[in-house]
Amino acid sequence: MPREVMDGDGTRWSCAQAYAGLSNDAASEEAAKVEGSGDRYRVVCTPSGGAQSVELELPGGWEDEMPDEELLAAIAAARG
């Protein structure tokens, strides 16, 4: 299930672990894992407006444990 956050400009970002659409949860989890990084996963965040999607590398548990401010900071950093 995607996690949604809203930035200061009013853009709503929908973030989901990469490959979340695979049929097998274990397979999608493994496919999204960043090779050689321990417990980090590829996450794709898609905006509601005209901004471009960004790909992030976030620690496991980001869906429930990462504060919104940290997720928004990661999105902003990825956007440059």
PDB file of N, CA and C in Angstrom:
ATOM      1  N   MET A   1       0.843  -1.175   0.000  1.00  0.00           N
ATOM      2  CA  MET A   1       0.000   0.000   0.000  1.00  0.00           C
ATOM      3  C   MET A   1       0.891   1.241   0.000  1.00  0.00           C
ATOM      4  N   PRO A   2       0.659   2.183  -0.910  1.00  0.00           N
ATOM      5  CA  PRO A   2       1.473   3.393  -0.977  1.00  0.00           C
ATOM      6  C   PRO A   2       1.300   4.272   0.264  1.00  0.00           C
ATOM      7  N   ARG A   3       2.338   5.000   0.561  1.00  0.00           N
ATOM      8  CA  ARG A   3       2.283   5.985   1.650  1.00  0.00           C
ATOM      9  C   ARG A   3       2.242   7.354   1.001  1.00  0.00           C
ATOM     10  N   GLU A   4       1.372   8.220   1.498  1.00  0.00           N
ATOM     11  CA  GLU A   4       1.234   9.553   0.924  1.00  0.00           C
ATOM     12  C   GLU A   4       1.688  10.616   1.909  1.00  0.00           C
ATOM     13  N   VAL A   5       2.411  11.618   1.378  1.00  0.00           N
ATOM     14  CA  VAL A   5       2.831  12.779   2.154  1.00  0.00           C
ATOM     15  C   VAL A   5       2.626  14.014   1.284  1.00  0.00           C
ATOM     16  N   MET A   6       2.433  15.179   1.927  1.00  0.00           N
ATOM     17  CA  MET A   6       2.247  16.418   1.179  1.00  0.00           C
ATOM     18  C   MET A   6       3.372  17.378   1.539  1.00  0.00           C
ATOM     19  N   ASP A   7       3.987  17.961   0.495  1.00  0.00           N
ATOM     20  CA  ASP A   7       5.078  18.902   0.743  1.00  0.00           C
ATOM     21  C   ASP A   7       4.525  20.313   0.955  1.00  0.00           C
ATOM     22  N   GLY A   8       5.416  21.255   1.224  1.00  0.00           N
ATOM     23  CA  GLY A   8       5.028  22.628   1.508  1.00  0.00           C
ATOM     24  C   GLY A   8       4.412  23.352   0.335  1.00  0.00           C
ATOM     25  N   ASP A   9       4.609  22.836  -0.879  1.00  0.00           N
ATOM     26  CA  ASP A   9       4.020  23.445  -2.074  1.00  0.00           C
ATOM     27  C   ASP A   9       2.631  22.882  -2.379  1.00  0.00           C
ATOM     28  N   GLY A  10       2.163  21.952  -1.548  1.00  0.00           N
ATOM     29  CA  GLY A  10       0.854  21.352  -1.763  1.00  0.00           C
ATOM     30  C   GLY A  10       0.867  20.157  -2.704  1.00  0.00           C
ATOM     31  N   THR A  11       2.054  19.683  -3.074  1.00  0.00           N
ATOM     32  CA  THR A  11       2.143  18.498  -3.931  1.00  0.00           C
ATOM     33  C   THR A  11       2.027  17.262  -3.055  1.00  0.00           C
ATOM     34  N   ARG A  12       1.117  16.387  -3.415  1.00  0.00           N
ATOM     35  CA  ARG A  12       0.940  15.125  -2.692  1.00  0.00           C
ATOM     36  C   ARG A  12       1.798  14.068  -3.372  1.00  0.00           C
ATOM     37  N   TRP A  13       2.674  13.440  -2.588  1.00  0.00           N
ATOM     38  CA  TRP A  13       3.573  12.401  -3.083  1.00  0.00           C
ATOM     39  C   TRP A  13       3.065  11.054  -2.619  1.00  0.00           C
ATOM     40  N   SER A  14       2.947  10.135  -3.548  1.00  0.00           N
ATOM     41  CA  SER A  14       2.550   8.761  -3.262  1.00  0.00           C
ATOM     42  C   SER A  14       3.791   7.888  -3.424  1.00  0.00           C
ATOM     43  N   CYS A  15       4.245   7.288  -2.318  1.00  0.00           N
ATOM     44  CA  CYS A  15       5.496   6.521  -2.318  1.00  0.00           C
ATOM     45  C   CYS A  15       5.211   5.039  -2.099  1.00  0.00           C
ATOM     46  N   ALA A  16       5.837   4.222  -2.923  1.00  0.00           N
ATOM     47  CA  ALA A  16       5.669   2.767  -2.820  1.00  0.00           C
ATOM     48  C   ALA A  16       7.000   2.094  -3.111  1.00  0.00           C
ATOM     49  N   GLN A  17       7.213   0.984  -2.451  1.00  0.00           N
ATOM     50  CA  GLN A  17       8.426   0.215  -2.695  1.00  0.00           C
ATOM     51  C   GLN A  17       8.429  -0.256  -4.148  1.00  0.00           C
ATOM     52  N   ALA A  18       9.570  -0.112  -4.806  1.00  0.00           N
ATOM     53  CA  ALA A  18       9.689  -0.549  -6.196  1.00  0.00           C
ATOM     54  C   ALA A  18       9.343  -2.025  -6.305  1.00  0.00           C
ATOM     55  N   TYR A  19       8.758  -2.402  -7.395  1.00  0.00           N
ATOM     56  CA  TYR A  19       8.356  -3.783  -7.693  1.00  0.00           C
ATOM     57  C   TYR A  19       7.237  -4.282  -6.784  1.00  0.00           C
ATOM     58  N   ALA A  20       6.522  -3.376  -6.128  1.00  0.00           N
ATOM     59  CA  ALA A  20       5.454  -3.781  -5.219  1.00  0.00           C
ATOM     60  C   ALA A  20       4.330  -4.506  -5.950  1.00  0.00           C
ATOM     61  N   GLY A  21       4.264  -4.363  -7.259  1.00  0.00           N
ATOM     62  CA  GLY A  21       3.210  -4.999  -8.029  1.00  0.00           C
ATOM     63  C   GLY A  21       3.457  -6.465  -8.348  1.00  0.00           C
ATOM     64  N   LEU A  22       4.627  -6.979  -7.979  1.00  0.00           N
ATOM     65  CA  LEU A  22       4.879  -8.402  -8.233  1.00  0.00           C
ATOM     66  C   LEU A  22       3.920  -9.241  -7.408  1.00  0.00           C
ATOM     67  N   SER A  23       3.585 -10.426  -7.910  1.00  0.00           N
ATOM     68  CA  SER A  23       2.576 -11.243  -7.248  1.00  0.00           C
ATOM     69  C   SER A  23       3.042 -11.829  -5.925  1.00  0.00           C
ATOM     70  N   ASN A  24       4.317 -12.087  -5.762  1.00  0.00           N
ATOM     71  CA  ASN A  24       4.831 -12.711  -4.557  1.00  0.00           C
ATOM     72  C   ASN A  24       5.499 -11.642  -3.692  1.00  0.00           C
ATOM     73  N   ASP A  25       4.964 -11.406  -2.472  1.00  0.00           N
ATOM     74  CA  ASP A  25       5.509 -10.363  -1.610  1.00  0.00           C
ATOM     75  C   ASP A  25       6.993 -10.565  -1.324  1.00  0.00           C
ATOM     76  N   ALA A  26       7.416 -11.798  -1.096  1.00  0.00           N
ATOM     77  CA  ALA A  26       8.825 -12.072  -0.811  1.00  0.00           C
ATOM     78  C   ALA A  26       9.688 -11.736  -2.023  1.00  0.00           C
ATOM     79  N   ALA A  27       9.194 -12.042  -3.210  1.00  0.00           N
ATOM     80  CA  ALA A  27       9.946 -11.745  -4.430  1.00  0.00           C
ATOM     81  C   ALA A  27      10.046 -10.243  -4.654  1.00  0.00           C
ATOM     82  N   SER A  28       8.966  -9.508  -4.424  1.00  0.00           N
ATOM     83  CA  SER A  28       9.001  -8.064  -4.633  1.00  0.00           C
ATOM     84  C   SER A  28       9.891  -7.400  -3.592  1.00  0.00           C
ATOM     85  N   GLU A  29       9.884  -7.905  -2.382  1.00  0.00           N
ATOM     86  CA  GLU A  29      10.752  -7.379  -1.323  1.00  0.00           C
ATOM     87  C   GLU A  29      12.216  -7.552  -1.719  1.00  0.00           C
ATOM     88  N   GLU A  30      12.556  -8.721  -2.196  1.00  0.00           N
ATOM     89  CA  GLU A  30      13.934  -9.006  -2.583  1.00  0.00           C
ATOM     90  C   GLU A  30      14.336  -8.185  -3.811  1.00  0.00           C
ATOM     91  N   ALA A  31      13.428  -8.022  -4.761  1.00  0.00           N
ATOM     92  CA  ALA A  31      13.723  -7.262  -5.974  1.00  0.00           C
ATOM     93  C   ALA A  31      13.968  -5.785  -5.656  1.00  0.00           C
ATOM     94  N   ALA A  32      13.284  -5.260  -4.651  1.00  0.00           N
ATOM     95  CA  ALA A  32      13.418  -3.850  -4.297  1.00  0.00           C
ATOM     96  C   ALA A  32      14.645  -3.571  -3.440  1.00  0.00           C
ATOM     97  N   LYS A  33      15.239  -4.602  -2.874  1.00  0.00           N
ATOM     98  CA  LYS A  33      16.394  -4.420  -1.988  1.00  0.00           C
ATOM     99  C   LYS A  33      17.591  -3.889  -2.788  1.00  0.00           C
ATOM    100  N   VAL A  34      18.269  -2.885  -2.234  1.00  0.00           N
ATOM    101  CA  VAL A  34      19.444  -2.311  -2.870  1.00  0.00           C
ATOM    102  C   VAL A  34      20.610  -3.253  -2.606  1.00  0.00           C
ATOM    103  N   GLU A  35      21.179  -3.773  -3.681  1.00  0.00           N
ATOM    104  CA  GLU A  35      22.253  -4.766  -3.571  1.00  0.00           C
ATOM    105  C   GLU A  35      23.451  -4.202  -2.820  1.00  0.00           C
ATOM    106  N   GLY A  36      23.921  -4.967  -1.833  1.00  0.00           N
ATOM    107  CA  GLY A  36      25.096  -4.597  -1.073  1.00  0.00           C
ATOM    108  C   GLY A  36      24.887  -3.495  -0.053  1.00  0.00           C
ATOM    109  N   SER A  37      23.643  -3.143   0.235  1.00  0.00           N
ATOM    110  CA  SER A  37      23.387  -2.017   1.134  1.00  0.00           C
ATOM    111  C   SER A  37      22.816  -2.431   2.480  1.00  0.00           C
ATOM    112  N   GLY A  38      22.694  -3.718   2.727  1.00  0.00           N
ATOM    113  CA  GLY A  38      22.095  -4.143   3.990  1.00  0.00           C
ATOM    114  C   GLY A  38      20.583  -4.049   3.925  1.00  0.00           C
ATOM    115  N   ASP A  39      20.021  -3.176   4.742  1.00  0.00           N
ATOM    116  CA  ASP A  39      18.565  -3.074   4.882  1.00  0.00           C
ATOM    117  C   ASP A  39      18.036  -1.806   4.210  1.00  0.00           C
ATOM    118  N   ARG A  40      18.328  -1.605   2.928  1.00  0.00           N
ATOM    119  CA  ARG A  40      17.827  -0.443   2.192  1.00  0.00           C
ATOM    120  C   ARG A  40      17.060  -0.921   0.963  1.00  0.00           C
ATOM    121  N   TYR A  41      16.011  -0.159   0.620  1.00  0.00           N
ATOM    122  CA  TYR A  41      15.103  -0.558  -0.443  1.00  0.00           C
ATOM    123  C   TYR A  41      14.859   0.590  -1.410  1.00  0.00           C
ATOM    124  N   ARG A  42      14.609   0.229  -2.677  1.00  0.00           N
ATOM    125  CA  ARG A  42      14.238   1.217  -3.692  1.00  0.00           C
ATOM    126  C   ARG A  42      12.770   1.573  -3.496  1.00  0.00           C
ATOM    127  N   VAL A  43      12.519   2.867  -3.477  1.00  0.00           N
ATOM    128  CA  VAL A  43      11.165   3.388  -3.298  1.00  0.00           C
ATOM    129  C   VAL A  43      10.923   4.416  -4.389  1.00  0.00           C
ATOM    130  N   VAL A  44       9.776   4.366  -5.037  1.00  0.00           N
ATOM    131  CA  VAL A  44       9.415   5.327  -6.078  1.00  0.00           C
ATOM    132  C   VAL A  44       8.309   6.219  -5.530  1.00  0.00           C
ATOM    133  N   CYS A  45       8.536   7.545  -5.625  1.00  0.00           N
ATOM    134  CA  CYS A  45       7.553   8.522  -5.164  1.00  0.00           C
ATOM    135  C   CYS A  45       7.035   9.297  -6.378  1.00  0.00           C
ATOM    136  N   THR A  46       5.727   9.281  -6.555  1.00  0.00           N
ATOM    137  CA  THR A  46       5.069   9.903  -7.701  1.00  0.00           C
ATOM    138  C   THR A  46       4.242  11.089  -7.209  1.00  0.00           C
ATOM    139  N   PRO A  47       4.403  12.260  -7.842  1.00  0.00           N
ATOM    140  CA  PRO A  47       3.686  13.462  -7.411  1.00  0.00           C
ATOM    141  C   PRO A  47       2.288  13.560  -8.002  1.00  0.00           C
ATOM    142  N   SER A  48       1.462  14.369  -7.343  1.00  0.00           N
ATOM    143  CA  SER A  48       0.111  14.601  -7.837  1.00  0.00           C
ATOM    144  C   SER A  48       0.100  15.653  -8.946  1.00  0.00           C
ATOM    145  N   GLY A  49       1.109  16.509  -9.001  1.00  0.00           N
ATOM    146  CA  GLY A  49       1.133  17.599  -9.972  1.00  0.00           C
ATOM    147  C   GLY A  49       2.101  17.356 -11.098  1.00  0.00           C
ATOM    148  N   GLY A  50       2.737  18.437 -11.557  1.00  0.00           N
ATOM    149  CA  GLY A  50       3.602  18.367 -12.719  1.00  0.00           C
ATOM    150  C   GLY A  50       5.025  17.936 -12.447  1.00  0.00           C
ATOM    151  N   ALA A  51       5.407  17.745 -11.185  1.00  0.00           N
ATOM    152  CA  ALA A  51       6.776  17.335 -10.889  1.00  0.00           C
ATOM    153  C   ALA A  51       7.019  15.907 -11.369  1.00  0.00           C
ATOM    154  N   GLN A  52       8.302  15.552 -11.522  1.00  0.00           N
ATOM    155  CA  GLN A  52       8.649  14.208 -11.973  1.00  0.00           C
ATOM    156  C   GLN A  52       8.772  13.260 -10.788  1.00  0.00           C
ATOM    157  N   SER A  53       8.515  11.988 -11.043  1.00  0.00           N
ATOM    158  CA  SER A  53       8.696  10.960 -10.023  1.00  0.00           C
ATOM    159  C   SER A  53      10.167  10.879  -9.651  1.00  0.00           C
ATOM    160  N   VAL A  54      10.423  10.432  -8.426  1.00  0.00           N
ATOM    161  CA  VAL A  54      11.795  10.258  -7.959  1.00  0.00           C
ATOM    162  C   VAL A  54      11.951   8.847  -7.401  1.00  0.00           C
ATOM    163  N   GLU A  55      13.183   8.334  -7.498  1.00  0.00           N
ATOM    164  CA  GLU A  55      13.497   7.034  -6.897  1.00  0.00           C
ATOM    165  C   GLU A  55      14.420   7.279  -5.719  1.00  0.00           C
ATOM    166  N   LEU A  56      14.078   6.676  -4.589  1.00  0.00           N
ATOM    167  CA  LEU A  56      14.841   6.839  -3.362  1.00  0.00           C
ATOM    168  C   LEU A  56      15.389   5.496  -2.906  1.00  0.00           C
ATOM    169  N   GLU A  57      16.393   5.526  -2.053  1.00  0.00           N
ATOM    170  CA  GLU A  57      16.876   4.341  -1.352  1.00  0.00           C
ATOM    171  C   GLU A  57      16.644   4.606   0.125  1.00  0.00           C
ATOM    172  N   LEU A  58      15.695   3.877   0.712  1.00  0.00           N
ATOM    173  CA  LEU A  58      15.297   4.121   2.092  1.00  0.00           C
ATOM    174  C   LEU A  58      15.502   2.878   2.952  1.00  0.00           C
ATOM    175  N   PRO A  59      15.664   3.070   4.260  1.00  0.00           N
ATOM    176  CA  PRO A  59      15.866   1.923   5.145  1.00  0.00           C
ATOM    177  C   PRO A  59      14.582   1.107   5.290  1.00  0.00           C
ATOM    178  N   GLY A  60      14.753  -0.182   5.592  1.00  0.00           N
ATOM    179  CA  GLY A  60      13.599  -1.037   5.852  1.00  0.00           C
ATOM    180  C   GLY A  60      12.735  -0.425   6.947  1.00  0.00           C
ATOM    181  N   GLY A  61      11.442  -0.582   6.833  1.00  0.00           N
ATOM    182  CA  GLY A  61      10.503  -0.026   7.806  1.00  0.00           C
ATOM    183  C   GLY A  61      10.117   1.417   7.533  1.00  0.00           C
ATOM    184  N   TRP A  62      10.567   1.966   6.401  1.00  0.00           N
ATOM    185  CA  TRP A  62      10.275   3.360   6.080  1.00  0.00           C
ATOM    186  C   TRP A  62       8.782   3.637   6.041  1.00  0.00           C
ATOM    187  N   GLU A  63       7.993   2.639   5.649  1.00  0.00           N
ATOM    188  CA  GLU A  63       6.545   2.828   5.497  1.00  0.00           C
ATOM    189  C   GLU A  63       5.887   3.259   6.801  1.00  0.00           C
ATOM    190  N   ASP A  64       6.346   2.710   7.920  1.00  0.00           N
ATOM    191  CA  ASP A  64       5.713   2.960   9.207  1.00  0.00           C
ATOM    192  C   ASP A  64       6.562   3.791  10.158  1.00  0.00           C
ATOM    193  N   GLU A  65       7.886   3.706  10.018  1.00  0.00           N
ATOM    194  CA  GLU A  65       8.767   4.284  11.031  1.00  0.00           C
ATOM    195  C   GLU A  65       9.379   5.632  10.661  1.00  0.00           C
ATOM    196  N   MET A  66       9.537   5.917   9.372  1.00  0.00           N
ATOM    197  CA  MET A  66      10.179   7.171   8.961  1.00  0.00           C
ATOM    198  C   MET A  66       9.193   8.329   9.104  1.00  0.00           C
ATOM    199  N   PRO A  67       9.592   9.387   9.830  1.00  0.00           N
ATOM    200  CA  PRO A  67       8.708  10.559   9.944  1.00  0.00           C
ATOM    201  C   PRO A  67       8.472  11.213   8.576  1.00  0.00           C
ATOM    202  N   ASP A  68       7.307  11.832   8.404  1.00  0.00           N
ATOM    203  CA  ASP A  68       6.972  12.502   7.147  1.00  0.00           C
ATOM    204  C   ASP A  68       8.045  13.503   6.743  1.00  0.00           C
ATOM    205  N   GLU A  69       8.586  14.251   7.719  1.00  0.00           N
ATOM    206  CA  GLU A  69       9.580  15.276   7.421  1.00  0.00           C
ATOM    207  C   GLU A  69      10.826  14.655   6.798  1.00  0.00           C
ATOM    208  N   GLU A  70      11.251  13.491   7.278  1.00  0.00           N
ATOM    209  CA  GLU A  70      12.421  12.827   6.715  1.00  0.00           C
ATOM    210  C   GLU A  70      12.148  12.316   5.303  1.00  0.00           C
ATOM    211  N   LEU A  71      10.947  11.791   5.085  1.00  0.00           N
ATOM    212  CA  LEU A  71      10.581  11.308   3.760  1.00  0.00           C
ATOM    213  C   LEU A  71      10.528  12.483   2.774  1.00  0.00           C
ATOM    214  N   LEU A  72       9.945  13.599   3.195  1.00  0.00           N
ATOM    215  CA  LEU A  72       9.898  14.775   2.330  1.00  0.00           C
ATOM    216  C   LEU A  72      11.289  15.329   2.064  1.00  0.00           C
ATOM    217  N   ALA A  73      12.181  15.268   3.048  1.00  0.00           N
ATOM    218  CA  ALA A  73      13.563  15.716   2.846  1.00  0.00           C
ATOM    219  C   ALA A  73      14.272  14.822   1.835  1.00  0.00           C
ATOM    220  N   ALA A  74      14.031  13.519   1.889  1.00  0.00           N
ATOM    221  CA  ALA A  74      14.631  12.591   0.929  1.00  0.00           C
ATOM    222  C   ALA A  74      14.108  12.868  -0.479  1.00  0.00           C
ATOM    223  N   ILE A  75      12.827  13.159  -0.593  1.00  0.00           N
ATOM    224  CA  ILE A  75      12.239  13.507  -1.900  1.00  0.00           C
ATOM    225  C   ILE A  75      12.882  14.783  -2.438  1.00  0.00           C
ATOM    226  N   ALA A  76      12.992  15.806  -1.582  1.00  0.00           N
ATOM    227  CA  ALA A  76      13.580  17.072  -2.004  1.00  0.00           C
ATOM    228  C   ALA A  76      15.031  16.889  -2.440  1.00  0.00           C
ATOM    229  N   ALA A  77      15.789  16.074  -1.718  1.00  0.00           N
ATOM    230  CA  ALA A  77      17.197  15.824  -2.069  1.00  0.00           C
ATOM    231  C   ALA A  77      17.296  15.117  -3.412  1.00  0.00           C
ATOM    232  N   ALA A  78      16.388  14.178  -3.664  1.00  0.00           N
ATOM    233  CA  ALA A  78      16.409  13.429  -4.928  1.00  0.00           C
ATOM    234  C   ALA A  78      16.039  14.325  -6.112  1.00  0.00           C
ATOM    235  N   ARG A  79      15.250  15.327  -5.848  1.00  0.00           N
ATOM    236  CA  ARG A  79      14.851  16.253  -6.917  1.00  0.00           C
ATOM    237  C   ARG A  79      15.955  17.239  -7.264  1.00  0.00           C
ATOM    238  N   GLY A  80      16.953  17.328  -6.373  1.00  0.00           N
ATOM    239  CA  GLY A  80      18.101  18.202  -6.655  1.00  0.00           C
ATOM    240  C   GLY A  80      17.966  19.483  -5.979  1.00  0.00           C
TER     241      GLY A  80
END
